[in-house]
């Protein structure tokens, strides 16, 4: 039996969870709402994350724009996504929500801008 401890991020309470995995049987203890069970099972079976970083901006008022994946991605895709983000460059202006990279790291998830960057005059 595998036992893991987590802090739930499903709601603001941050419940300490203990998850026991025995074959296909998953038992979650410590949750105060159903979101804790959902979070724990997802974290054990298929963990995902939102990736945040920055991309170089050409001709902008700032040299970098903050970016994030539009939704969470499987943890095993994070390194592929970061490789593409490190190589990416955009030209100013950049607006919040602009797609910087489509299908980043073959994850079927776009990387979007989270900051406005104006063009240098």
N, C-alpha and C. Protein backbone atom coordinates (compact mmCIF):
# COMPACT_ATOMS: atom_id res chain seq x y z
N UNK A 1 0.84 -1.18 0.00
CA UNK A 1 0.00 0.00 0.00
C UNK A 1 0.89 1.24 0.00
N UNK A 2 0.55 2.18 -0.87
CA UNK A 2 1.26 3.45 -0.99
C UNK A 2 0.46 4.52 -0.26
N UNK A 3 1.10 5.27 0.64
CA UNK A 3 0.43 6.33 1.38
C UNK A 3 1.13 7.64 1.07
N UNK A 4 0.34 8.65 0.69
CA UNK A 4 0.89 9.97 0.36
C UNK A 4 0.12 11.06 1.10
N UNK A 5 0.84 12.12 1.44
CA UNK A 5 0.22 13.27 2.10
C UNK A 5 0.22 14.45 1.15
N UNK A 6 -0.89 15.18 1.11
CA UNK A 6 -1.06 16.36 0.27
C UNK A 6 -1.72 17.47 1.08
N UNK A 7 -1.56 18.67 0.60
CA UNK A 7 -2.38 19.80 1.05
C UNK A 7 -3.33 20.08 -0.10
N UNK A 8 -4.62 20.02 0.17
CA UNK A 8 -5.61 20.20 -0.88
C UNK A 8 -5.63 21.66 -1.34
N UNK A 9 -5.72 21.84 -2.66
CA UNK A 9 -5.82 23.19 -3.23
C UNK A 9 -7.18 23.38 -3.91
N UNK A 10 -8.13 22.50 -3.60
CA UNK A 10 -9.45 22.56 -4.21
C UNK A 10 -10.30 23.71 -3.71
N UNK A 11 -10.03 24.22 -2.54
CA UNK A 11 -10.75 25.36 -1.99
C UNK A 11 -9.81 26.09 -1.02
N UNK A 12 -10.20 27.22 -0.47
CA UNK A 12 -9.30 28.00 0.39
C UNK A 12 -8.93 27.36 1.74
N UNK A 13 -9.61 26.28 2.15
CA UNK A 13 -9.32 25.69 3.46
C UNK A 13 -7.94 25.04 3.54
N UNK A 14 -7.44 24.47 2.46
CA UNK A 14 -6.12 23.84 2.46
C UNK A 14 -6.03 22.65 3.40
N UNK A 15 -6.97 21.75 3.30
CA UNK A 15 -7.02 20.58 4.19
C UNK A 15 -5.81 19.67 3.98
N UNK A 16 -5.24 19.16 5.08
CA UNK A 16 -4.19 18.14 4.94
C UNK A 16 -4.84 16.80 4.61
N UNK A 17 -4.45 16.22 3.49
CA UNK A 17 -5.04 14.97 3.02
C UNK A 17 -4.04 13.82 3.15
N UNK A 18 -4.54 12.67 3.48
CA UNK A 18 -3.76 11.44 3.45
C UNK A 18 -4.44 10.52 2.45
N UNK A 19 -3.68 10.09 1.46
CA UNK A 19 -4.22 9.26 0.39
C UNK A 19 -3.53 7.90 0.44
N UNK A 20 -4.35 6.86 0.54
CA UNK A 20 -3.85 5.49 0.52
C UNK A 20 -4.23 4.84 -0.79
N UNK A 21 -3.25 4.29 -1.47
CA UNK A 21 -3.48 3.63 -2.75
C UNK A 21 -3.11 2.16 -2.60
N UNK A 22 -4.08 1.30 -2.85
CA UNK A 22 -3.87 -0.13 -2.78
C UNK A 22 -4.42 -0.73 -4.06
N UNK A 23 -3.54 -0.92 -5.05
CA UNK A 23 -4.00 -1.38 -6.36
C UNK A 23 -4.85 -0.30 -7.01
N UNK A 24 -6.10 -0.63 -7.29
CA UNK A 24 -7.01 0.34 -7.90
C UNK A 24 -7.88 1.04 -6.85
N UNK A 25 -7.71 0.67 -5.61
CA UNK A 25 -8.50 1.26 -4.52
C UNK A 25 -7.77 2.49 -3.96
N UNK A 26 -8.48 3.63 -3.95
CA UNK A 26 -7.91 4.88 -3.43
C UNK A 26 -8.80 5.37 -2.29
N UNK A 27 -8.19 5.58 -1.13
CA UNK A 27 -8.91 6.09 0.04
C UNK A 27 -8.33 7.45 0.42
N UNK A 28 -9.21 8.43 0.60
CA UNK A 28 -8.80 9.78 0.94
C UNK A 28 -9.33 10.13 2.32
N UNK A 29 -8.43 10.61 3.20
CA UNK A 29 -8.83 11.04 4.56
C UNK A 29 -8.36 12.48 4.77
N UNK A 30 -9.11 13.21 5.59
CA UNK A 30 -8.72 14.56 5.96
C UNK A 30 -9.47 15.66 5.22
N UNK A 31 -10.26 15.31 4.22
CA UNK A 31 -10.97 16.33 3.45
C UNK A 31 -12.22 16.81 4.21
N UNK A 32 -12.57 18.06 4.00
CA UNK A 32 -13.79 18.59 4.60
C UNK A 32 -14.86 18.87 3.56
N UNK A 33 -14.51 18.71 2.28
CA UNK A 33 -15.50 18.89 1.22
C UNK A 33 -15.20 17.90 0.09
N UNK A 34 -16.14 17.67 -0.80
CA UNK A 34 -15.93 16.70 -1.89
C UNK A 34 -14.78 17.07 -2.83
N UNK A 35 -14.44 18.36 -2.89
CA UNK A 35 -13.35 18.76 -3.78
C UNK A 35 -12.02 18.15 -3.35
N UNK A 36 -11.86 17.88 -2.06
CA UNK A 36 -10.64 17.25 -1.57
C UNK A 36 -10.45 15.86 -2.13
N UNK A 37 -11.52 15.11 -2.20
CA UNK A 37 -11.45 13.75 -2.76
C UNK A 37 -11.11 13.82 -4.25
N UNK A 38 -11.77 14.72 -4.96
CA UNK A 38 -11.52 14.89 -6.40
C UNK A 38 -10.07 15.29 -6.64
N UNK A 39 -9.57 16.27 -5.90
CA UNK A 39 -8.19 16.73 -6.05
C UNK A 39 -7.21 15.60 -5.76
N UNK A 40 -7.41 14.88 -4.66
CA UNK A 40 -6.47 13.82 -4.26
C UNK A 40 -6.41 12.71 -5.31
N UNK A 41 -7.56 12.30 -5.80
CA UNK A 41 -7.57 11.22 -6.80
C UNK A 41 -6.88 11.67 -8.09
N UNK A 42 -7.16 12.90 -8.50
CA UNK A 42 -6.51 13.42 -9.71
C UNK A 42 -5.00 13.51 -9.50
N UNK A 43 -4.58 13.96 -8.35
CA UNK A 43 -3.14 14.11 -8.07
C UNK A 43 -2.43 12.76 -8.06
N UNK A 44 -3.09 11.73 -7.61
CA UNK A 44 -2.50 10.39 -7.57
C UNK A 44 -2.51 9.74 -8.95
N UNK A 45 -3.63 9.85 -9.66
CA UNK A 45 -3.79 9.14 -10.92
C UNK A 45 -3.22 9.88 -12.13
N UNK A 46 -3.37 11.19 -12.15
CA UNK A 46 -2.97 11.96 -13.33
C UNK A 46 -2.65 13.40 -12.93
N UNK A 47 -1.50 13.64 -12.29
CA UNK A 47 -1.19 14.98 -11.81
C UNK A 47 -0.97 15.97 -12.96
N UNK A 48 -1.50 17.17 -12.78
CA UNK A 48 -1.37 18.23 -13.78
C UNK A 48 -0.98 19.53 -13.10
N UNK A 49 -0.47 20.46 -13.90
CA UNK A 49 -0.07 21.77 -13.40
C UNK A 49 -0.32 22.83 -14.46
N UNK A 50 -0.53 24.07 -14.01
CA UNK A 50 -0.48 25.24 -14.88
C UNK A 50 1.00 25.63 -14.94
N UNK A 51 1.52 25.86 -16.13
CA UNK A 51 2.92 26.27 -16.28
C UNK A 51 2.97 27.78 -16.46
N UNK A 52 3.78 28.44 -15.67
CA UNK A 52 3.97 29.89 -15.80
C UNK A 52 5.44 30.17 -16.09
N UNK A 53 5.68 31.19 -16.90
CA UNK A 53 7.05 31.54 -17.26
C UNK A 53 7.03 32.93 -17.89
N UNK A 54 8.04 33.21 -18.70
CA UNK A 54 8.09 34.47 -19.44
C UNK A 54 8.74 34.23 -20.80
N UNK A 55 8.40 35.10 -21.75
CA UNK A 55 8.89 35.01 -23.13
C UNK A 55 9.51 36.35 -23.50
N UNK A 56 10.60 36.30 -24.26
CA UNK A 56 11.27 37.51 -24.72
C UNK A 56 10.37 38.31 -25.66
N UNK A 57 10.45 39.65 -25.52
CA UNK A 57 9.67 40.55 -26.35
C UNK A 57 10.62 41.45 -27.12
N UNK A 58 10.46 41.49 -28.45
CA UNK A 58 11.24 42.39 -29.29
C UNK A 58 10.48 43.70 -29.45
N UNK A 59 11.22 44.79 -29.36
CA UNK A 59 10.69 46.14 -29.59
C UNK A 59 9.61 46.54 -28.59
N UNK A 60 9.68 45.99 -27.38
CA UNK A 60 8.68 46.30 -26.37
C UNK A 60 9.22 47.23 -25.30
N UNK A 61 8.30 47.78 -24.52
CA UNK A 61 8.69 48.64 -23.40
C UNK A 61 9.30 47.83 -22.26
N UNK A 62 9.10 46.52 -22.28
CA UNK A 62 9.73 45.61 -21.34
C UNK A 62 10.34 44.46 -22.14
N UNK A 63 11.42 43.85 -21.64
CA UNK A 63 12.08 42.79 -22.41
C UNK A 63 11.39 41.43 -22.35
N UNK A 64 10.49 41.24 -21.38
CA UNK A 64 9.83 39.96 -21.20
C UNK A 64 8.33 40.16 -20.97
N UNK A 65 7.55 39.17 -21.38
CA UNK A 65 6.12 39.15 -21.06
C UNK A 65 5.84 37.87 -20.28
N UNK A 66 5.06 37.99 -19.22
CA UNK A 66 4.68 36.82 -18.45
C UNK A 66 3.65 36.01 -19.24
N UNK A 67 3.77 34.68 -19.15
CA UNK A 67 2.89 33.78 -19.87
C UNK A 67 2.48 32.62 -18.97
N UNK A 68 1.41 31.93 -19.39
CA UNK A 68 0.98 30.71 -18.69
C UNK A 68 0.26 29.81 -19.68
N UNK A 69 0.17 28.54 -19.33
CA UNK A 69 -0.63 27.64 -20.15
C UNK A 69 -2.09 27.97 -19.90
N UNK A 70 -2.91 27.85 -20.95
CA UNK A 70 -4.31 28.24 -20.81
C UNK A 70 -5.09 27.33 -19.87
N UNK A 71 -4.59 26.13 -19.64
CA UNK A 71 -5.17 25.21 -18.66
C UNK A 71 -4.06 24.29 -18.16
N UNK A 72 -4.38 23.47 -17.19
CA UNK A 72 -3.36 22.59 -16.64
C UNK A 72 -2.96 21.52 -17.65
N UNK A 73 -1.71 21.09 -17.52
CA UNK A 73 -1.13 20.10 -18.43
C UNK A 73 -0.56 18.95 -17.60
N UNK A 74 -0.46 17.76 -18.19
CA UNK A 74 0.15 16.64 -17.48
C UNK A 74 1.59 16.99 -17.06
N UNK A 75 1.96 16.59 -15.85
CA UNK A 75 3.30 16.91 -15.35
C UNK A 75 4.40 16.44 -16.28
N UNK A 76 4.20 15.31 -16.97
CA UNK A 76 5.25 14.80 -17.84
C UNK A 76 5.47 15.67 -19.07
N UNK A 77 4.58 16.60 -19.36
CA UNK A 77 4.72 17.51 -20.51
C UNK A 77 5.43 18.82 -20.15
N UNK A 78 5.65 19.07 -18.89
CA UNK A 78 6.18 20.38 -18.46
C UNK A 78 7.54 20.69 -19.08
N UNK A 79 8.44 19.74 -19.11
CA UNK A 79 9.78 20.02 -19.66
C UNK A 79 9.71 20.33 -21.15
N UNK A 80 8.86 19.62 -21.91
CA UNK A 80 8.69 19.91 -23.34
C UNK A 80 8.11 21.31 -23.54
N UNK A 81 7.17 21.67 -22.72
CA UNK A 81 6.56 23.00 -22.80
C UNK A 81 7.60 24.07 -22.49
N UNK A 82 8.39 23.86 -21.46
CA UNK A 82 9.41 24.85 -21.09
C UNK A 82 10.48 25.00 -22.16
N UNK A 83 10.83 23.92 -22.85
CA UNK A 83 11.80 24.03 -23.95
C UNK A 83 11.29 24.97 -25.03
N UNK A 84 10.01 24.85 -25.38
CA UNK A 84 9.43 25.73 -26.40
C UNK A 84 9.32 27.17 -25.91
N UNK A 85 8.93 27.33 -24.66
CA UNK A 85 8.81 28.68 -24.10
C UNK A 85 10.16 29.38 -24.12
N UNK A 86 11.23 28.67 -23.74
CA UNK A 86 12.58 29.27 -23.72
C UNK A 86 13.02 29.75 -25.10
N UNK A 87 12.57 29.07 -26.16
CA UNK A 87 12.96 29.44 -27.53
C UNK A 87 12.08 30.54 -28.12
N UNK A 88 10.93 30.78 -27.54
CA UNK A 88 9.94 31.70 -28.12
C UNK A 88 10.35 33.16 -27.99
N UNK A 89 9.93 33.95 -28.98
CA UNK A 89 10.08 35.41 -28.99
C UNK A 89 8.82 35.98 -29.62
N UNK A 90 8.40 37.13 -29.15
CA UNK A 90 7.26 37.82 -29.74
C UNK A 90 7.63 39.27 -29.99
N UNK A 91 6.91 39.89 -30.91
CA UNK A 91 7.09 41.32 -31.18
C UNK A 91 5.98 42.09 -30.47
N UNK A 92 6.36 43.21 -29.88
CA UNK A 92 5.37 44.08 -29.25
C UNK A 92 4.52 44.73 -30.33
N UNK A 93 3.31 45.09 -30.05
CA UNK A 93 2.64 45.03 -28.75
C UNK A 93 2.08 43.63 -28.45
N UNK A 94 1.95 43.34 -27.16
CA UNK A 94 1.38 42.08 -26.68
C UNK A 94 0.25 42.44 -25.73
N UNK A 95 -0.86 41.77 -25.87
CA UNK A 95 -2.03 42.01 -25.01
C UNK A 95 -2.33 40.77 -24.18
N UNK A 96 -2.87 40.99 -22.99
CA UNK A 96 -3.29 39.89 -22.13
C UNK A 96 -4.22 38.97 -22.93
N UNK A 97 -3.94 37.69 -22.88
CA UNK A 97 -4.76 36.71 -23.58
C UNK A 97 -4.27 36.36 -24.96
N UNK A 98 -3.30 37.13 -25.50
CA UNK A 98 -2.74 36.77 -26.80
C UNK A 98 -2.13 35.38 -26.74
N UNK A 99 -2.36 34.58 -27.78
CA UNK A 99 -1.75 33.25 -27.85
C UNK A 99 -0.31 33.45 -28.32
N UNK A 100 0.62 33.03 -27.49
CA UNK A 100 2.05 33.16 -27.79
C UNK A 100 2.54 31.90 -28.51
N UNK A 101 2.10 30.73 -28.04
CA UNK A 101 2.47 29.45 -28.66
C UNK A 101 1.21 28.58 -28.69
N UNK A 102 0.85 28.09 -29.87
CA UNK A 102 -0.26 27.15 -29.97
C UNK A 102 0.27 25.73 -29.79
N UNK A 103 -0.53 24.86 -29.21
CA UNK A 103 -0.16 23.44 -29.04
C UNK A 103 1.27 23.29 -28.53
N UNK A 104 1.57 23.98 -27.47
CA UNK A 104 2.93 24.00 -26.94
C UNK A 104 3.35 22.62 -26.44
N UNK A 105 4.51 22.18 -26.88
CA UNK A 105 5.04 20.88 -26.47
C UNK A 105 4.15 19.72 -26.84
N UNK A 106 3.40 19.89 -27.94
CA UNK A 106 2.45 18.87 -28.39
C UNK A 106 1.48 18.46 -27.28
N UNK A 107 1.09 19.46 -26.46
CA UNK A 107 0.19 19.21 -25.34
C UNK A 107 -1.26 19.54 -25.67
N UNK A 108 -1.49 20.11 -26.86
CA UNK A 108 -2.80 20.60 -27.26
C UNK A 108 -3.28 21.74 -26.37
N UNK A 109 -2.32 22.42 -25.73
CA UNK A 109 -2.62 23.55 -24.86
C UNK A 109 -1.80 24.75 -25.34
N UNK A 110 -2.45 25.89 -25.41
CA UNK A 110 -1.76 27.11 -25.83
C UNK A 110 -1.10 27.79 -24.64
N UNK A 111 -0.04 28.55 -24.94
CA UNK A 111 0.59 29.42 -23.96
C UNK A 111 0.11 30.84 -24.27
N UNK A 112 -0.42 31.52 -23.25
CA UNK A 112 -0.99 32.85 -23.46
C UNK A 112 -0.29 33.91 -22.62
N UNK A 113 -0.35 35.15 -23.10
CA UNK A 113 0.24 36.27 -22.38
C UNK A 113 -0.64 36.64 -21.18
N UNK A 114 0.01 37.04 -20.10
CA UNK A 114 -0.72 37.45 -18.90
C UNK A 114 -0.44 38.90 -18.54
N UNK A 115 0.18 39.64 -19.48
CA UNK A 115 0.52 41.04 -19.24
C UNK A 115 0.48 41.79 -20.56
N UNK A 116 0.16 43.06 -20.52
CA UNK A 116 0.22 43.91 -21.70
C UNK A 116 1.62 44.48 -21.81
N UNK A 117 2.18 44.45 -23.01
CA UNK A 117 3.48 45.08 -23.28
C UNK A 117 3.29 45.98 -24.50
N UNK A 118 3.57 47.25 -24.32
CA UNK A 118 3.42 48.22 -25.42
C UNK A 118 4.66 48.20 -26.29
N UNK A 119 4.51 48.68 -27.51
CA UNK A 119 5.62 48.79 -28.44
C UNK A 119 6.41 50.05 -28.12
N UNK A 120 7.74 49.95 -28.20
CA UNK A 120 8.59 51.13 -28.01
C UNK A 120 8.34 52.13 -29.13
N UNK A 121 8.36 53.39 -28.78
CA UNK A 121 8.17 54.43 -29.80
C UNK A 121 9.47 54.85 -30.40
